[in-house]
Amino acid sequence: MTITRNQLRNAVINAEKLGNNRDASTIRDMAKNLKKWGSLTSRQVDFAKVLMERNSNEKVKAAEGVQDAHRLGWENSEYREWIVFLARFFSKSQQTAYIHHIQNRRVAANAILLAHLGGTAPQWRHCERLLTSKLAERLRKIYDHPPIYSLGELVAIRASEFSHWEMQQGSHLAMGFITEIEPSPVDTVGTYNKTKGGTKTYKVMFQAGGERTLRENQIKLVSRKNHNKE
């Protein structure tokens, strides 16, 4: 099979449309070699065939069809809000345990948020990058469950959040009232617990003074009855 520069140029255009930037760069180099030397080696020809197939007109057409369906789906608030929730997590999170996984998706997350801010549908390939994340299932459970605490409820930080020294100082006895629910996006993924909840956030004003934003699984409800007895 003879490969022409026109075929390679077309494959570059297709690769860019599909977001396959590495393929586009490789094919572009092949086109330069073909212009310079007049032909490609047999191994280059075989590799070019693979890249051209991966970035064919048919693949572009199929991708455009998916993008059109995604654009229509974006008008559905339930679909849109779930993807924006994911994007906010991957854009902001610095969770050490998954930092490389998160950082590898940050460009896609920021692209989604930028498009959303501009009132347009983001690229499907960016959304797919987040939806197929290994963290998506656990984040979905956090997203689906409503906050387990209400405004004005009296809470304390769980003892597990304190060091032994802090426990000796009585830090775990501090109590406060919830003043805001979900003041910031979820930035930590964890296994949802029916008792402790998930990682949605609350703003708590402590009686001793000072306000803190805490995750749902970091706090617990204080019984007003028992508190009044004290």
C-alpha atoms as a PDB file:
ATOM      1  CA  MET A   1       0.000   0.000   0.000  1.00  0.00           C
ATOM      2  CA  THR A   2       1.365   3.402  -1.031  1.00  0.00           C
ATOM      3  CA  ILE A   3       0.810   6.139   1.506  1.00  0.00           C
ATOM      4  CA  THR A   4       0.529   9.711   0.251  1.00  0.00           C
ATOM      5  CA  ARG A   5       1.138  13.002   2.020  1.00  0.00           C
ATOM      6  CA  ASN A   6      -2.530  13.901   1.490  1.00  0.00           C
ATOM      7  CA  GLN A   7      -3.562  10.788   3.398  1.00  0.00           C
ATOM      8  CA  LEU A   8      -1.198  11.673   6.220  1.00  0.00           C
ATOM      9  CA  ARG A   9      -2.389  15.288   6.323  1.00  0.00           C
ATOM     10  CA  ASN A  10      -5.987  14.072   6.527  1.00  0.00           C
ATOM     11  CA  ALA A  11      -5.031  11.721   9.363  1.00  0.00           C
ATOM     12  CA  VAL A  12      -3.411  14.628  11.234  1.00  0.00           C
ATOM     13  CA  ILE A  13      -6.627  16.665  10.943  1.00  0.00           C
ATOM     14  CA  ASN A  14      -8.682  13.693  12.144  1.00  0.00           C
ATOM     15  CA  ALA A  15      -6.337  13.010  15.053  1.00  0.00           C
ATOM     16  CA  GLU A  16      -6.642  16.610  16.196  1.00  0.00           C
ATOM     17  CA  LYS A  17     -10.438  16.425  15.977  1.00  0.00           C
ATOM     18  CA  LEU A  18     -10.380  13.257  18.076  1.00  0.00           C
ATOM     19  CA  GLY A  19      -8.027  14.766  20.625  1.00  0.00           C
ATOM     20  CA  ASN A  20      -5.279  12.252  19.781  1.00  0.00           C
ATOM     21  CA  ASN A  21      -2.527  14.853  19.942  1.00  0.00           C
ATOM     22  CA  ARG A  22       0.311  12.348  20.211  1.00  0.00           C
ATOM     23  CA  ASP A  23      -0.916  10.566  17.086  1.00  0.00           C
ATOM     24  CA  ALA A  24      -1.160  13.897  15.279  1.00  0.00           C
ATOM     25  CA  SER A  25       2.434  14.738  16.147  1.00  0.00           C
ATOM     26  CA  THR A  26       3.714  11.331  15.013  1.00  0.00           C
ATOM     27  CA  ILE A  27       1.819  11.430  11.728  1.00  0.00           C
ATOM     28  CA  ARG A  28       3.024  14.975  11.084  1.00  0.00           C
ATOM     29  CA  ASP A  29       6.627  13.774  11.467  1.00  0.00           C
ATOM     30  CA  MET A  30       5.918  10.942   9.022  1.00  0.00           C
ATOM     31  CA  ALA A  31       4.595  13.437   6.481  1.00  0.00           C
ATOM     32  CA  LYS A  32       7.824  15.453   6.819  1.00  0.00           C
ATOM     33  CA  ASN A  33       9.919  12.309   6.315  1.00  0.00           C
ATOM     34  CA  LEU A  34       7.884  11.379   3.258  1.00  0.00           C
ATOM     35  CA  LYS A  35       8.434  14.833   1.766  1.00  0.00           C
ATOM     36  CA  LYS A  36      12.159  14.721   2.525  1.00  0.00           C
ATOM     37  CA  TRP A  37      12.987  11.148   1.500  1.00  0.00           C
ATOM     38  CA  GLY A  38      10.213  10.406  -0.982  1.00  0.00           C
ATOM     39  CA  SER A  39       9.162   7.214   0.811  1.00  0.00           C
ATOM     40  CA  LEU A  40       8.731   5.589   4.197  1.00  0.00           C
ATOM     41  CA  THR A  41      10.363   2.433   5.490  1.00  0.00           C
ATOM     42  CA  SER A  42       8.258  -0.720   5.651  1.00  0.00           C
ATOM     43  CA  ARG A  43       8.010  -0.396   9.431  1.00  0.00           C
ATOM     44  CA  GLN A  44       6.937   3.239   9.138  1.00  0.00           C
ATOM     45  CA  VAL A  45       4.306   2.241   6.570  1.00  0.00           C
ATOM     46  CA  ASP A  46       2.916  -0.427   8.914  1.00  0.00           C
ATOM     47  CA  PHE A  47       2.805   2.058  11.807  1.00  0.00           C
ATOM     48  CA  ALA A  48       1.232   4.716   9.584  1.00  0.00           C
ATOM     49  CA  LYS A  49      -1.537   2.275   8.640  1.00  0.00           C
ATOM     50  CA  VAL A  50      -2.328   1.704  12.324  1.00  0.00           C
ATOM     51  CA  LEU A  51      -2.434   5.441  13.038  1.00  0.00           C
ATOM     52  CA  MET A  52      -4.529   6.190   9.962  1.00  0.00           C
ATOM     53  CA  GLU A  53      -7.036   3.509  10.950  1.00  0.00           C
ATOM     54  CA  ARG A  54      -7.191   4.877  14.504  1.00  0.00           C
ATOM     55  CA  ASN A  55      -7.841   8.362  13.110  1.00  0.00           C
ATOM     56  CA  SER A  56     -10.011   7.522  10.109  1.00  0.00           C
ATOM     57  CA  ASN A  57     -12.897   9.555   8.698  1.00  0.00           C
ATOM     58  CA  GLU A  58     -15.249   6.900  10.090  1.00  0.00           C
ATOM     59  CA  LYS A  59     -13.863   7.341  13.602  1.00  0.00           C
ATOM     60  CA  VAL A  60     -14.343  11.103  13.348  1.00  0.00           C
ATOM     61  CA  LYS A  61     -17.912  10.662  12.120  1.00  0.00           C
ATOM     62  CA  ALA A  62     -18.702   8.281  14.984  1.00  0.00           C
ATOM     63  CA  ALA A  63     -17.147  10.681  17.503  1.00  0.00           C
ATOM     64  CA  GLU A  64     -19.179  13.572  16.127  1.00  0.00           C
ATOM     65  CA  GLY A  65     -22.325  11.487  16.582  1.00  0.00           C
ATOM     66  CA  VAL A  66     -21.429  10.814  20.214  1.00  0.00           C
ATOM     67  CA  GLN A  67     -20.655  14.497  20.757  1.00  0.00           C
ATOM     68  CA  ASP A  68     -24.056  15.474  19.316  1.00  0.00           C
ATOM     69  CA  ALA A  69     -25.808  13.033  21.673  1.00  0.00           C
ATOM     70  CA  HIS A  70     -23.749  14.350  24.584  1.00  0.00           C
ATOM     71  CA  ARG A  71     -24.639  17.939  23.655  1.00  0.00           C
ATOM     72  CA  LEU A  72     -28.335  17.058  23.836  1.00  0.00           C
ATOM     73  CA  GLY A  73     -27.799  15.223  27.105  1.00  0.00           C
ATOM     74  CA  TRP A  74     -26.071  18.282  28.558  1.00  0.00           C
ATOM     75  CA  GLU A  75     -29.426  20.070  28.503  1.00  0.00           C
ATOM     76  CA  ASN A  76     -30.628  17.563  31.125  1.00  0.00           C
ATOM     77  CA  SER A  77     -29.803  19.063  34.532  1.00  0.00           C
ATOM     78  CA  GLU A  78     -29.331  15.672  36.229  1.00  0.00           C
ATOM     79  CA  TYR A  79     -26.744  14.579  33.657  1.00  0.00           C
ATOM     80  CA  ARG A  80     -25.033  17.985  33.642  1.00  0.00           C
ATOM     81  CA  GLU A  81     -24.837  18.413  37.430  1.00  0.00           C
ATOM     82  CA  TRP A  82     -23.278  14.980  37.952  1.00  0.00           C
ATOM     83  CA  ILE A  83     -20.489  15.708  35.475  1.00  0.00           C
ATOM     84  CA  VAL A  84     -19.909  19.184  36.964  1.00  0.00           C
ATOM     85  CA  PHE A  85     -19.688  17.548  40.424  1.00  0.00           C
ATOM     86  CA  LEU A  86     -16.965  15.246  39.101  1.00  0.00           C
ATOM     87  CA  ALA A  87     -15.174  18.132  37.408  1.00  0.00           C
ATOM     88  CA  ARG A  88     -15.115  20.184  40.606  1.00  0.00           C
ATOM     89  CA  PHE A  89     -13.645  17.240  42.504  1.00  0.00           C
ATOM     90  CA  PHE A  90     -10.883  16.549  39.982  1.00  0.00           C
ATOM     91  CA  SER A  91     -10.145  20.260  39.577  1.00  0.00           C
ATOM     92  CA  LYS A  92      -9.694  20.910  43.292  1.00  0.00           C
ATOM     93  CA  SER A  93      -8.742  17.694  45.088  1.00  0.00           C
ATOM     94  CA  GLN A  94      -5.251  17.226  46.488  1.00  0.00           C
ATOM     95  CA  GLN A  95      -6.002  13.845  48.066  1.00  0.00           C
ATOM     96  CA  THR A  96      -2.584  12.226  48.465  1.00  0.00           C
ATOM     97  CA  ALA A  97      -3.717   8.619  47.995  1.00  0.00           C
ATOM     98  CA  TYR A  98      -4.922   9.300  44.443  1.00  0.00           C
ATOM     99  CA  ILE A  99      -2.953  12.400  43.510  1.00  0.00           C
ATOM    100  CA  HIS A 100      -1.485  11.093  40.228  1.00  0.00           C
ATOM    101  CA  HIS A 101      -4.856   9.719  39.107  1.00  0.00           C
ATOM    102  CA  ILE A 102      -6.485  13.044  39.938  1.00  0.00           C
ATOM    103  CA  GLN A 103      -3.800  15.184  38.312  1.00  0.00           C
ATOM    104  CA  ASN A 104      -4.036  13.142  35.101  1.00  0.00           C
ATOM    105  CA  ARG A 105      -7.673  14.232  34.842  1.00  0.00           C
ATOM    106  CA  ARG A 106      -7.293  17.847  35.940  1.00  0.00           C
ATOM    107  CA  VAL A 107      -6.967  19.264  32.410  1.00  0.00           C
ATOM    108  CA  ALA A 108     -10.219  17.560  31.395  1.00  0.00           C
ATOM    109  CA  ALA A 109     -11.947  18.758  34.588  1.00  0.00           C
ATOM    110  CA  ASN A 110     -10.882  22.370  34.059  1.00  0.00           C
ATOM    111  CA  ALA A 111     -11.994  22.241  30.413  1.00  0.00           C
ATOM    112  CA  ILE A 112     -15.437  21.052  31.524  1.00  0.00           C
ATOM    113  CA  LEU A 113     -15.766  23.795  34.137  1.00  0.00           C
ATOM    114  CA  LEU A 114     -14.642  26.445  31.657  1.00  0.00           C
ATOM    115  CA  ALA A 115     -17.227  25.309  29.103  1.00  0.00           C
ATOM    116  CA  HIS A 116     -19.918  25.149  31.789  1.00  0.00           C
ATOM    117  CA  LEU A 117     -19.054  28.662  32.953  1.00  0.00           C
ATOM    118  CA  GLY A 118     -19.354  29.847  29.362  1.00  0.00           C
ATOM    119  CA  GLY A 119     -22.764  28.222  28.983  1.00  0.00           C
ATOM    120  CA  THR A 120     -21.709  25.622  26.423  1.00  0.00           C
ATOM    121  CA  ALA A 121     -21.481  21.834  26.429  1.00  0.00           C
ATOM    122  CA  PRO A 122     -17.938  20.536  27.048  1.00  0.00           C
ATOM    123  CA  GLN A 123     -16.242  17.989  24.809  1.00  0.00           C
ATOM    124  CA  TRP A 124     -17.471  14.449  25.347  1.00  0.00           C
ATOM    125  CA  ARG A 125     -13.887  13.130  25.503  1.00  0.00           C
ATOM    126  CA  HIS A 126     -13.250  15.304  28.560  1.00  0.00           C
ATOM    127  CA  CYS A 127     -16.415  14.081  30.267  1.00  0.00           C
ATOM    128  CA  GLU A 128     -15.656  10.466  29.396  1.00  0.00           C
ATOM    129  CA  ARG A 129     -12.234  10.883  31.025  1.00  0.00           C
ATOM    130  CA  LEU A 130     -13.913  11.606  34.361  1.00  0.00           C
ATOM    131  CA  LEU A 131     -16.877   9.249  34.038  1.00  0.00           C
ATOM    132  CA  THR A 132     -14.570   6.274  33.501  1.00  0.00           C
ATOM    133  CA  SER A 133     -12.369   7.118  36.504  1.00  0.00           C
ATOM    134  CA  LYS A 134     -11.866   4.386  39.104  1.00  0.00           C
ATOM    135  CA  LEU A 135     -13.131   6.924  41.681  1.00  0.00           C
ATOM    136  CA  ALA A 136     -16.405   7.680  39.872  1.00  0.00           C
ATOM    137  CA  GLU A 137     -18.428   4.903  41.544  1.00  0.00           C
ATOM    138  CA  ARG A 138     -17.596   6.027  45.082  1.00  0.00           C
ATOM    139  CA  LEU A 139     -18.056   9.677  44.184  1.00  0.00           C
ATOM    140  CA  ARG A 140     -21.479   8.823  42.742  1.00  0.00           C
ATOM    141  CA  LYS A 141     -22.590   7.382  46.101  1.00  0.00           C
ATOM    142  CA  ILE A 142     -21.474  10.562  47.840  1.00  0.00           C
ATOM    143  CA  TYR A 143     -23.257  12.643  45.203  1.00  0.00           C
ATOM    144  CA  ASP A 144     -26.508  10.660  45.400  1.00  0.00           C
ATOM    145  CA  HIS A 145     -26.869  10.698  49.192  1.00  0.00           C
ATOM    146  CA  PRO A 146     -28.250  13.945  50.654  1.00  0.00           C
ATOM    147  CA  PRO A 147     -26.455  15.537  53.635  1.00  0.00           C
ATOM    148  CA  ILE A 148     -27.285  13.674  56.868  1.00  0.00           C
ATOM    149  CA  TYR A 149     -27.162  16.772  59.095  1.00  0.00           C
ATOM    150  CA  SER A 150     -29.328  19.898  59.029  1.00  0.00           C
ATOM    151  CA  LEU A 151     -28.736  23.596  59.605  1.00  0.00           C
ATOM    152  CA  GLY A 152     -28.553  24.518  63.292  1.00  0.00           C
ATOM    153  CA  GLU A 153     -27.741  21.019  64.540  1.00  0.00           C
ATOM    154  CA  LEU A 154     -25.225  20.685  67.363  1.00  0.00           C
ATOM    155  CA  VAL A 155     -22.205  18.616  66.355  1.00  0.00           C
ATOM    156  CA  ALA A 156     -18.741  17.676  67.574  1.00  0.00           C
ATOM    157  CA  ILE A 157     -15.656  16.472  65.744  1.00  0.00           C
ATOM    158  CA  ARG A 158     -15.181  12.715  65.937  1.00  0.00           C
ATOM    159  CA  ALA A 159     -12.482  11.510  68.329  1.00  0.00           C
ATOM    160  CA  SER A 160     -10.764   9.653  65.484  1.00  0.00           C
ATOM    161  CA  GLU A 161      -9.779  13.043  64.019  1.00  0.00           C
ATOM    162  CA  PHE A 162      -7.605  13.929  67.020  1.00  0.00           C
ATOM    163  CA  SER A 163      -4.169  12.829  68.173  1.00  0.00           C
ATOM    164  CA  HIS A 164      -3.655  11.305  71.623  1.00  0.00           C
ATOM    165  CA  TRP A 165      -2.209  14.608  72.857  1.00  0.00           C
ATOM    166  CA  GLU A 166      -5.212  16.565  71.556  1.00  0.00           C
ATOM    167  CA  MET A 167      -7.542  14.128  73.291  1.00  0.00           C
ATOM    168  CA  GLN A 168      -5.725  14.732  76.567  1.00  0.00           C
ATOM    169  CA  GLN A 169      -6.220  18.467  76.079  1.00  0.00           C
ATOM    170  CA  GLY A 170      -9.958  17.898  75.683  1.00  0.00           C
ATOM    171  CA  SER A 171     -10.098  19.095  72.061  1.00  0.00           C
ATOM    172  CA  HIS A 172     -12.692  16.418  71.261  1.00  0.00           C
ATOM    173  CA  LEU A 173     -15.157  18.025  73.687  1.00  0.00           C
ATOM    174  CA  ALA A 174     -15.621  21.160  71.561  1.00  0.00           C
ATOM    175  CA  MET A 175     -19.100  21.530  70.088  1.00  0.00           C
ATOM    176  CA  GLY A 176     -20.585  23.802  67.477  1.00  0.00           C
ATOM    177  CA  PHE A 177     -23.638  24.547  65.363  1.00  0.00           C
ATOM    178  CA  ILE A 178     -23.915  23.880  61.637  1.00  0.00           C
ATOM    179  CA  THR A 179     -24.243  27.242  59.884  1.00  0.00           C
ATOM    180  CA  GLU A 180     -23.946  26.153  56.250  1.00  0.00           C
ATOM    181  CA  ILE A 181     -24.387  22.928  54.311  1.00  0.00           C
ATOM    182  CA  GLU A 182     -22.052  22.161  51.391  1.00  0.00           C
ATOM    183  CA  PRO A 183     -20.126  25.454  51.552  1.00  0.00           C
ATOM    184  CA  SER A 184     -17.457  23.964  49.270  1.00  0.00           C
ATOM    185  CA  PRO A 185     -17.292  21.189  46.652  1.00  0.00           C
ATOM    186  CA  VAL A 186     -16.335  17.652  47.633  1.00  0.00           C
ATOM    187  CA  ASP A 187     -12.552  17.325  47.377  1.00  0.00           C
ATOM    188  CA  THR A 188     -12.031  14.001  49.156  1.00  0.00           C
ATOM    189  CA  VAL A 189     -13.275  10.597  48.067  1.00  0.00           C
ATOM    190  CA  GLY A 190     -14.153   7.928  50.624  1.00  0.00           C
ATOM    191  CA  THR A 191     -16.433   4.944  51.107  1.00  0.00           C
ATOM    192  CA  TYR A 192     -19.940   6.120  51.978  1.00  0.00           C
ATOM    193  CA  ASN A 193     -21.084   4.980  55.421  1.00  0.00           C
ATOM    194  CA  LYS A 194     -24.780   4.967  56.326  1.00  0.00           C
ATOM    195  CA  THR A 195     -23.961   6.211  59.845  1.00  0.00           C
ATOM    196  CA  LYS A 196     -21.049   8.584  59.252  1.00  0.00           C
ATOM    197  CA  GLY A 197     -22.161   9.689  55.792  1.00  0.00           C
ATOM    198  CA  GLY A 198     -19.719  10.749  53.104  1.00  0.00           C
ATOM    199  CA  THR A 199     -17.380  13.628  52.378  1.00  0.00           C
ATOM    200  CA  LYS A 200     -19.804  16.472  51.694  1.00  0.00           C
ATOM    201  CA  THR A 201     -18.886  19.566  53.679  1.00  0.00           C
ATOM    202  CA  TYR A 202     -20.416  21.640  56.472  1.00  0.00           C
ATOM    203  CA  LYS A 203     -19.454  24.940  58.026  1.00  0.00           C
ATOM    204  CA  VAL A 204     -19.512  24.711  61.813  1.00  0.00           C
ATOM    205  CA  MET A 205     -19.417  27.618  64.287  1.00  0.00           C
ATOM    206  CA  PHE A 206     -17.897  26.399  67.549  1.00  0.00           C
ATOM    207  CA  GLN A 207     -19.170  27.657  70.887  1.00  0.00           C
ATOM    208  CA  ALA A 208     -15.642  28.554  71.994  1.00  0.00           C
ATOM    209  CA  GLY A 209     -15.339  30.736  68.903  1.00  0.00           C
ATOM    210  CA  GLY A 210     -14.076  30.115  65.413  1.00  0.00           C
ATOM    211  CA  GLU A 211     -15.646  28.603  62.324  1.00  0.00           C
ATOM    212  CA  ARG A 212     -14.397  25.539  60.448  1.00  0.00           C
ATOM    213  CA  THR A 213     -15.373  23.717  57.269  1.00  0.00           C
ATOM    214  CA  LEU A 214     -15.489  19.987  57.978  1.00  0.00           C
ATOM    215  CA  ARG A 215     -16.381  16.853  56.052  1.00  0.00           C
ATOM    216  CA  GLU A 216     -19.511  14.939  56.969  1.00  0.00           C
ATOM    217  CA  ASN A 217     -17.576  11.882  58.149  1.00  0.00           C
ATOM    218  CA  GLN A 218     -15.455  14.062  60.454  1.00  0.00           C
ATOM    219  CA  ILE A 219     -18.372  15.157  62.646  1.00  0.00           C
ATOM    220  CA  LYS A 220     -21.083  13.558  64.763  1.00  0.00           C
ATOM    221  CA  LEU A 221     -24.379  14.710  66.164  1.00  0.00           C
ATOM    222  CA  VAL A 222     -24.468  15.768  69.822  1.00  0.00           C
ATOM    223  CA  SER A 223     -27.585  14.868  71.755  1.00  0.00           C
ATOM    224  CA  ARG A 224     -29.139  18.127  72.984  1.00  0.00           C
ATOM    225  CA  LYS A 225     -30.731  16.209  75.861  1.00  0.00           C
ATOM    226  CA  ASN A 226     -27.404  14.895  77.114  1.00  0.00           C
ATOM    227  CA  HIS A 227     -25.718  18.212  76.440  1.00  0.00           C
ATOM    228  CA  ASN A 228     -28.289  20.081  78.561  1.00  0.00           C
ATOM    229  CA  LYS A 229     -27.754  17.626  81.431  1.00  0.00           C
ATOM    230  CA  GLU A 230     -24.092  18.627  81.507  1.00  0.00           C
END
